[in-house]
C-alpha atoms as a PDB file:
ATOM      1  CA  UNK A   1       7.199  -0.878   7.202  1.00  0.00           C
ATOM      2  CA  UNK A   2       8.400  -3.143   4.414  1.00  0.00           C
ATOM      3  CA  UNK A   3      10.884  -0.896   2.714  1.00  0.00           C
ATOM      4  CA  UNK A   4      13.683   0.583   4.791  1.00  0.00           C
ATOM      5  CA  UNK A   5      14.783   4.184   4.430  1.00  0.00           C
ATOM      6  CA  UNK A   6      17.691   5.808   6.179  1.00  0.00           C
ATOM      7  CA  UNK A   7      17.310   9.378   7.437  1.00  0.00           C
ATOM      8  CA  UNK A   8      20.362  11.508   6.946  1.00  0.00           C
ATOM      9  CA  UNK A   9      21.303  15.199   7.690  1.00  0.00           C
ATOM     10  CA  UNK A  10      18.720  17.792   6.558  1.00  0.00           C
ATOM     11  CA  UNK A  11      15.811  15.333   6.615  1.00  0.00           C
ATOM     12  CA  UNK A  12      16.820  13.714   3.253  1.00  0.00           C
ATOM     13  CA  UNK A  13      16.194  10.060   2.505  1.00  0.00           C
ATOM     14  CA  UNK A  14      18.158   7.532   0.618  1.00  0.00           C
ATOM     15  CA  UNK A  15      16.719   4.128  -0.344  1.00  0.00           C
ATOM     16  CA  UNK A  16      18.082   0.941   1.204  1.00  0.00           C
ATOM     17  CA  UNK A  17      17.649  -2.566  -0.349  1.00  0.00           C
ATOM     18  CA  UNK A  18      14.181  -3.788  -0.315  1.00  0.00           C
ATOM     19  CA  UNK A  19      13.776  -6.402   2.522  1.00  0.00           C
ATOM     20  CA  UNK A  20      10.539  -7.887   1.266  1.00  0.00           C
ATOM     21  CA  UNK A  21      12.536 -10.617  -0.644  1.00  0.00           C
ATOM     22  CA  UNK A  22      14.636 -11.390   2.474  1.00  0.00           C
ATOM     23  CA  UNK A  23      11.392 -12.030   4.348  1.00  0.00           C
ATOM     24  CA  UNK A  24      10.085 -14.325   1.547  1.00  0.00           C
ATOM     25  CA  UNK A  25       7.425 -11.840   0.614  1.00  0.00           C
ATOM     26  CA  UNK A  26       6.197 -11.331  -2.902  1.00  0.00           C
ATOM     27  CA  UNK A  27       7.528  -8.089  -4.408  1.00  0.00           C
ATOM     28  CA  UNK A  28       5.027  -6.299  -6.547  1.00  0.00           C
ATOM     29  CA  UNK A  29       4.786  -2.602  -7.108  1.00  0.00           C
ATOM     30  CA  UNK A  30       3.002  -0.372  -9.655  1.00  0.00           C
ATOM     31  CA  UNK A  31       4.278   2.004 -12.413  1.00  0.00           C
ATOM     32  CA  UNK A  32       2.232   5.169 -12.709  1.00  0.00           C
ATOM     33  CA  UNK A  33       2.639   7.887 -15.297  1.00  0.00           C
ATOM     34  CA  UNK A  34       1.341  11.049 -13.516  1.00  0.00           C
ATOM     35  CA  UNK A  35       0.317  13.250 -16.476  1.00  0.00           C
ATOM     36  CA  UNK A  36      -1.630  15.686 -14.244  1.00  0.00           C
ATOM     37  CA  UNK A  37       1.182  16.167 -11.606  1.00  0.00           C
ATOM     38  CA  UNK A  38       1.273  19.953 -11.719  1.00  0.00           C
ATOM     39  CA  UNK A  39      -2.500  20.311 -11.736  1.00  0.00           C
ATOM     40  CA  UNK A  40      -3.008  17.855  -8.950  1.00  0.00           C
ATOM     41  CA  UNK A  41      -0.387  19.703  -6.751  1.00  0.00           C
ATOM     42  CA  UNK A  42      -1.921  23.024  -7.496  1.00  0.00           C
ATOM     43  CA  UNK A  43      -5.379  21.739  -6.561  1.00  0.00           C
ATOM     44  CA  UNK A  44      -4.195  19.850  -3.562  1.00  0.00           C
ATOM     45  CA  UNK A  45      -5.577  16.619  -5.148  1.00  0.00           C
ATOM     46  CA  UNK A  46      -3.107  14.259  -3.486  1.00  0.00           C
ATOM     47  CA  UNK A  47      -3.824  10.758  -2.397  1.00  0.00           C
ATOM     48  CA  UNK A  48      -5.585   9.413  -5.508  1.00  0.00           C
ATOM     49  CA  UNK A  49      -4.672   8.283  -8.936  1.00  0.00           C
ATOM     50  CA  UNK A  50      -7.092   7.103 -11.653  1.00  0.00           C
ATOM     51  CA  UNK A  51      -6.618   3.847 -13.473  1.00  0.00           C
ATOM     52  CA  UNK A  52      -8.371   1.636 -15.912  1.00  0.00           C
ATOM     53  CA  UNK A  53     -10.217  -1.327 -14.373  1.00  0.00           C
ATOM     54  CA  UNK A  54      -8.368  -3.530 -16.924  1.00  0.00           C
ATOM     55  CA  UNK A  55      -5.042  -2.752 -15.286  1.00  0.00           C
ATOM     56  CA  UNK A  56      -6.298  -2.919 -11.726  1.00  0.00           C
ATOM     57  CA  UNK A  57      -7.594  -6.445 -12.387  1.00  0.00           C
ATOM     58  CA  UNK A  58      -3.952  -7.538 -12.688  1.00  0.00           C
ATOM     59  CA  UNK A  59      -3.414  -6.678  -9.051  1.00  0.00           C
ATOM     60  CA  UNK A  60      -6.422  -8.602  -7.784  1.00  0.00           C
ATOM     61  CA  UNK A  61      -5.469 -10.696  -4.788  1.00  0.00           C
ATOM     62  CA  UNK A  62      -1.914  -9.312  -4.589  1.00  0.00           C
ATOM     63  CA  UNK A  63      -2.017  -5.593  -3.505  1.00  0.00           C
ATOM     64  CA  UNK A  64       1.243  -3.774  -4.106  1.00  0.00           C
ATOM     65  CA  UNK A  65       3.334  -1.941  -1.539  1.00  0.00           C
ATOM     66  CA  UNK A  66       4.502   1.029  -3.524  1.00  0.00           C
ATOM     67  CA  UNK A  67       3.594   3.121  -6.571  1.00  0.00           C
ATOM     68  CA  UNK A  68       6.608   4.281  -8.563  1.00  0.00           C
ATOM     69  CA  UNK A  69       5.605   7.555 -10.159  1.00  0.00           C
ATOM     70  CA  UNK A  70       6.989   9.004 -13.395  1.00  0.00           C
ATOM     71  CA  UNK A  71       6.585  12.071 -15.500  1.00  0.00           C
ATOM     72  CA  UNK A  72       7.858  13.327 -18.856  1.00  0.00           C
ATOM     73  CA  UNK A  73       9.937  16.389 -18.253  1.00  0.00           C
ATOM     74  CA  UNK A  74       8.918  19.341 -20.529  1.00  0.00           C
ATOM     75  CA  UNK A  75      12.340  19.708 -22.103  1.00  0.00           C
ATOM     76  CA  UNK A  76      12.428  16.033 -22.962  1.00  0.00           C
ATOM     77  CA  UNK A  77       9.078  15.480 -24.643  1.00  0.00           C
ATOM     78  CA  UNK A  78      10.327  14.136 -27.848  1.00  0.00           C
ATOM     79  CA  UNK A  79       8.381  14.297 -31.204  1.00  0.00           C
ATOM     80  CA  UNK A  80       4.822  13.364 -31.266  1.00  0.00           C
ATOM     81  CA  UNK A  81       4.086   9.820 -32.268  1.00  0.00           C
ATOM     82  CA  UNK A  82       7.718   8.697 -32.114  1.00  0.00           C
ATOM     83  CA  UNK A  83       8.058   7.625 -28.515  1.00  0.00           C
ATOM     84  CA  UNK A  84      11.494   9.212 -28.312  1.00  0.00           C
ATOM     85  CA  UNK A  85      10.833  11.137 -24.988  1.00  0.00           C
ATOM     86  CA  UNK A  86      12.494  10.539 -21.594  1.00  0.00           C
ATOM     87  CA  UNK A  87      10.975   9.606 -18.275  1.00  0.00           C
ATOM     88  CA  UNK A  88      11.780  11.094 -14.937  1.00  0.00           C
ATOM     89  CA  UNK A  89      11.373   9.199 -11.591  1.00  0.00           C
ATOM     90  CA  UNK A  90       9.359  11.526  -9.564  1.00  0.00           C
ATOM     91  CA  UNK A  91       8.270   9.670  -6.351  1.00  0.00           C
ATOM     92  CA  UNK A  92       7.730   6.320  -4.719  1.00  0.00           C
ATOM     93  CA  UNK A  93       4.384   6.350  -2.797  1.00  0.00           C
ATOM     94  CA  UNK A  94       3.012   4.083  -0.230  1.00  0.00           C
ATOM     95  CA  UNK A  95      -0.033   2.176  -1.568  1.00  0.00           C
ATOM     96  CA  UNK A  96      -3.205   2.499   0.428  1.00  0.00           C
ATOM     97  CA  UNK A  97      -6.382   0.404   0.369  1.00  0.00           C
ATOM     98  CA  UNK A  98      -8.485   3.407   1.612  1.00  0.00           C
ATOM     99  CA  UNK A  99      -9.223   6.890   0.466  1.00  0.00           C
ATOM    100  CA  UNK A 100      -7.241   9.549   2.460  1.00  0.00           C
ATOM    101  CA  UNK A 101      -9.340  11.854   4.731  1.00  0.00           C
ATOM    102  CA  UNK A 102     -10.872  14.743   2.975  1.00  0.00           C
ATOM    103  CA  UNK A 103     -10.039  13.656  -0.531  1.00  0.00           C
ATOM    104  CA  UNK A 104     -12.266  15.227  -3.182  1.00  0.00           C
ATOM    105  CA  UNK A 105     -13.609  13.265  -6.133  1.00  0.00           C
ATOM    106  CA  UNK A 106     -11.886  13.621  -9.441  1.00  0.00           C
ATOM    107  CA  UNK A 107     -15.124  13.568 -11.391  1.00  0.00           C
ATOM    108  CA  UNK A 108     -13.708  10.744 -13.662  1.00  0.00           C
ATOM    109  CA  UNK A 109     -16.264   8.414 -15.033  1.00  0.00           C
ATOM    110  CA  UNK A 110     -16.440   4.655 -15.409  1.00  0.00           C
ATOM    111  CA  UNK A 111     -14.685   2.451 -16.545  1.00  0.00           C
ATOM    112  CA  UNK A 112     -12.040   4.209 -14.451  1.00  0.00           C
ATOM    113  CA  UNK A 113     -11.151   3.029 -10.994  1.00  0.00           C
ATOM    114  CA  UNK A 114      -9.264   4.697  -8.190  1.00  0.00           C
ATOM    115  CA  UNK A 115      -5.755   3.906  -6.780  1.00  0.00           C
ATOM    116  CA  UNK A 116      -5.062   5.414  -3.364  1.00  0.00           C
ATOM    117  CA  UNK A 117      -1.747   6.271  -1.846  1.00  0.00           C
ATOM    118  CA  UNK A 118      -0.723   7.628   1.500  1.00  0.00           C
ATOM    119  CA  UNK A 119       1.065  11.025   0.857  1.00  0.00           C
ATOM    120  CA  UNK A 120       1.701  11.338   4.703  1.00  0.00           C
ATOM    121  CA  UNK A 121       3.567   8.003   5.086  1.00  0.00           C
ATOM    122  CA  UNK A 122       7.187   8.359   6.138  1.00  0.00           C
ATOM    123  CA  UNK A 123       8.150   6.104   3.217  1.00  0.00           C
ATOM    124  CA  UNK A 124       6.320   8.145   0.599  1.00  0.00           C
ATOM    125  CA  UNK A 125       9.235   9.928  -0.987  1.00  0.00           C
ATOM    126  CA  UNK A 126       9.533  12.782  -3.478  1.00  0.00           C
ATOM    127  CA  UNK A 127      12.909  12.411  -5.361  1.00  0.00           C
ATOM    128  CA  UNK A 128      15.329  15.198  -5.985  1.00  0.00           C
ATOM    129  CA  UNK A 129      17.795  15.818  -8.736  1.00  0.00           C
ATOM    130  CA  UNK A 130      16.450  13.045 -10.995  1.00  0.00           C
ATOM    131  CA  UNK A 131      16.318  15.304 -14.116  1.00  0.00           C
ATOM    132  CA  UNK A 132      20.039  14.885 -14.891  1.00  0.00           C
ATOM    133  CA  UNK A 133      20.441  13.302 -18.344  1.00  0.00           C
ATOM    134  CA  UNK A 134      22.097  10.177 -16.927  1.00  0.00           C
ATOM    135  CA  UNK A 135      19.236   9.647 -14.520  1.00  0.00           C
ATOM    136  CA  UNK A 136      16.615  10.195 -17.254  1.00  0.00           C
ATOM    137  CA  UNK A 137      18.303   7.862 -19.684  1.00  0.00           C
ATOM    138  CA  UNK A 138      18.649   5.177 -16.962  1.00  0.00           C
ATOM    139  CA  UNK A 139      15.011   5.322 -15.914  1.00  0.00           C
ATOM    140  CA  UNK A 140      13.803   5.463 -19.661  1.00  0.00           C
ATOM    141  CA  UNK A 141      15.855   2.527 -20.624  1.00  0.00           C
ATOM    142  CA  UNK A 142      14.646   0.424 -17.702  1.00  0.00           C
ATOM    143  CA  UNK A 143      10.900   1.238 -18.398  1.00  0.00           C
ATOM    144  CA  UNK A 144      11.190   0.973 -22.186  1.00  0.00           C
ATOM    145  CA  UNK A 145      12.800  -2.522 -21.897  1.00  0.00           C
ATOM    146  CA  UNK A 146       9.784  -3.711 -19.854  1.00  0.00           C
ATOM    147  CA  UNK A 147       6.905  -1.802 -21.451  1.00  0.00           C
ATOM    148  CA  UNK A 148       7.937  -0.850 -25.118  1.00  0.00           C
ATOM    149  CA  UNK A 149       4.320  -0.719 -26.355  1.00  0.00           C
ATOM    150  CA  UNK A 150       3.450   1.912 -23.759  1.00  0.00           C
ATOM    151  CA  UNK A 151       5.885   4.439 -25.215  1.00  0.00           C
ATOM    152  CA  UNK A 152       4.388   5.268 -28.603  1.00  0.00           C
ATOM    153  CA  UNK A 153       0.888   6.243 -26.962  1.00  0.00           C
ATOM    154  CA  UNK A 154       2.899   8.312 -24.345  1.00  0.00           C
ATOM    155  CA  UNK A 155       1.337   6.122 -21.579  1.00  0.00           C
ATOM    156  CA  UNK A 156      -2.197   7.310 -22.270  1.00  0.00           C
ATOM    157  CA  UNK A 157      -5.190   5.577 -20.828  1.00  0.00           C
ATOM    158  CA  UNK A 158      -4.387   2.006 -19.679  1.00  0.00           C
ATOM    159  CA  UNK A 159      -0.793   2.362 -20.659  1.00  0.00           C
ATOM    160  CA  UNK A 160      -0.176   4.778 -17.841  1.00  0.00           C
ATOM    161  CA  UNK A 161      -0.552   2.098 -15.181  1.00  0.00           C
ATOM    162  CA  UNK A 162       1.691  -1.052 -15.268  1.00  0.00           C
ATOM    163  CA  UNK A 163       2.349  -3.851 -12.851  1.00  0.00           C
ATOM    164  CA  UNK A 164       5.963  -3.903 -11.753  1.00  0.00           C
ATOM    165  CA  UNK A 165       7.035  -7.502 -11.018  1.00  0.00           C
ATOM    166  CA  UNK A 166       9.991  -8.433  -8.783  1.00  0.00           C
ATOM    167  CA  UNK A 167      12.670  -8.343 -11.517  1.00  0.00           C
ATOM    168  CA  UNK A 168      11.964  -4.682 -12.491  1.00  0.00           C
ATOM    169  CA  UNK A 169      11.396  -3.620  -8.838  1.00  0.00           C
ATOM    170  CA  UNK A 170      14.879  -5.185  -8.004  1.00  0.00           C
ATOM    171  CA  UNK A 171      16.449  -3.230 -10.872  1.00  0.00           C
ATOM    172  CA  UNK A 172      14.936   0.022  -9.745  1.00  0.00           C
ATOM    173  CA  UNK A 173      15.894  -0.522  -6.125  1.00  0.00           C
ATOM    174  CA  UNK A 174      19.524  -1.081  -7.077  1.00  0.00           C
ATOM    175  CA  UNK A 175      19.931   1.624  -9.729  1.00  0.00           C
ATOM    176  CA  UNK A 176      18.088   4.367  -7.692  1.00  0.00           C
ATOM    177  CA  UNK A 177      19.357   3.527  -4.134  1.00  0.00           C
ATOM    178  CA  UNK A 178      21.567   6.672  -4.150  1.00  0.00           C
ATOM    179  CA  UNK A 179      18.855   9.148  -5.141  1.00  0.00           C
ATOM    180  CA  UNK A 180      18.110  11.621  -2.479  1.00  0.00           C
ATOM    181  CA  UNK A 181      14.553  12.531  -1.569  1.00  0.00           C
ATOM    182  CA  UNK A 182      12.297  14.039   1.115  1.00  0.00           C
ATOM    183  CA  UNK A 183       9.040  12.950   2.564  1.00  0.00           C
ATOM    184  CA  UNK A 184       6.420  13.466  -0.134  1.00  0.00           C
ATOM    185  CA  UNK A 185       4.326  16.172   1.444  1.00  0.00           C
ATOM    186  CA  UNK A 186       7.365  17.960   2.755  1.00  0.00           C
ATOM    187  CA  UNK A 187       8.816  17.911  -0.733  1.00  0.00           C
ATOM    188  CA  UNK A 188       5.538  19.163  -2.319  1.00  0.00           C
ATOM    189  CA  UNK A 189       5.468  22.016   0.173  1.00  0.00           C
ATOM    190  CA  UNK A 190       8.994  23.023  -0.804  1.00  0.00           C
ATOM    191  CA  UNK A 191       8.105  22.720  -4.440  1.00  0.00           C
ATOM    192  CA  UNK A 192       5.172  25.156  -3.979  1.00  0.00           C
ATOM    193  CA  UNK A 193       7.380  27.625  -2.094  1.00  0.00           C
ATOM    194  CA  UNK A 194       9.941  27.626  -4.879  1.00  0.00           C
ATOM    195  CA  UNK A 195       7.445  28.562  -7.522  1.00  0.00           C
END
């Protein structure tokens, strides 16, 4: 496992520094805007994201380790066309090269391509308490500084998937190291029970 996580009381996780750099490994992750989060959870469509081929070609020959997943909270949607909304860090999911067992097709047509993640992995984490204004501002500022052109179209189409190079991954690791979370499927089950 390339990213260390420390288990604490109550089964919560906190990020530890990324050890890939210490091992001399290339750090490359993926940004994904999960527009269909609520629908996918409701329909148990977990383990697959849809991306444009154009964006996936940037990953050719250097598969990422993690997918950093973001949403736009309903209360912070901003005004249409202005790009003044806020982003919430939702999860960090372990990249997978293969489709999870029993995964149903999304029915999306070409030129879309599939991105797989492992929702059962111990280091696939659903974050908690990341909707505080300070957390939203931090995440939004970091992403806006790197992908300013993706904001106006609200991460539609190819804008919703971005390559996260080492500098941005390092910043996110540092700034979000104190964020608590639970194993992804455990957190999703708790989320469903609370609704």
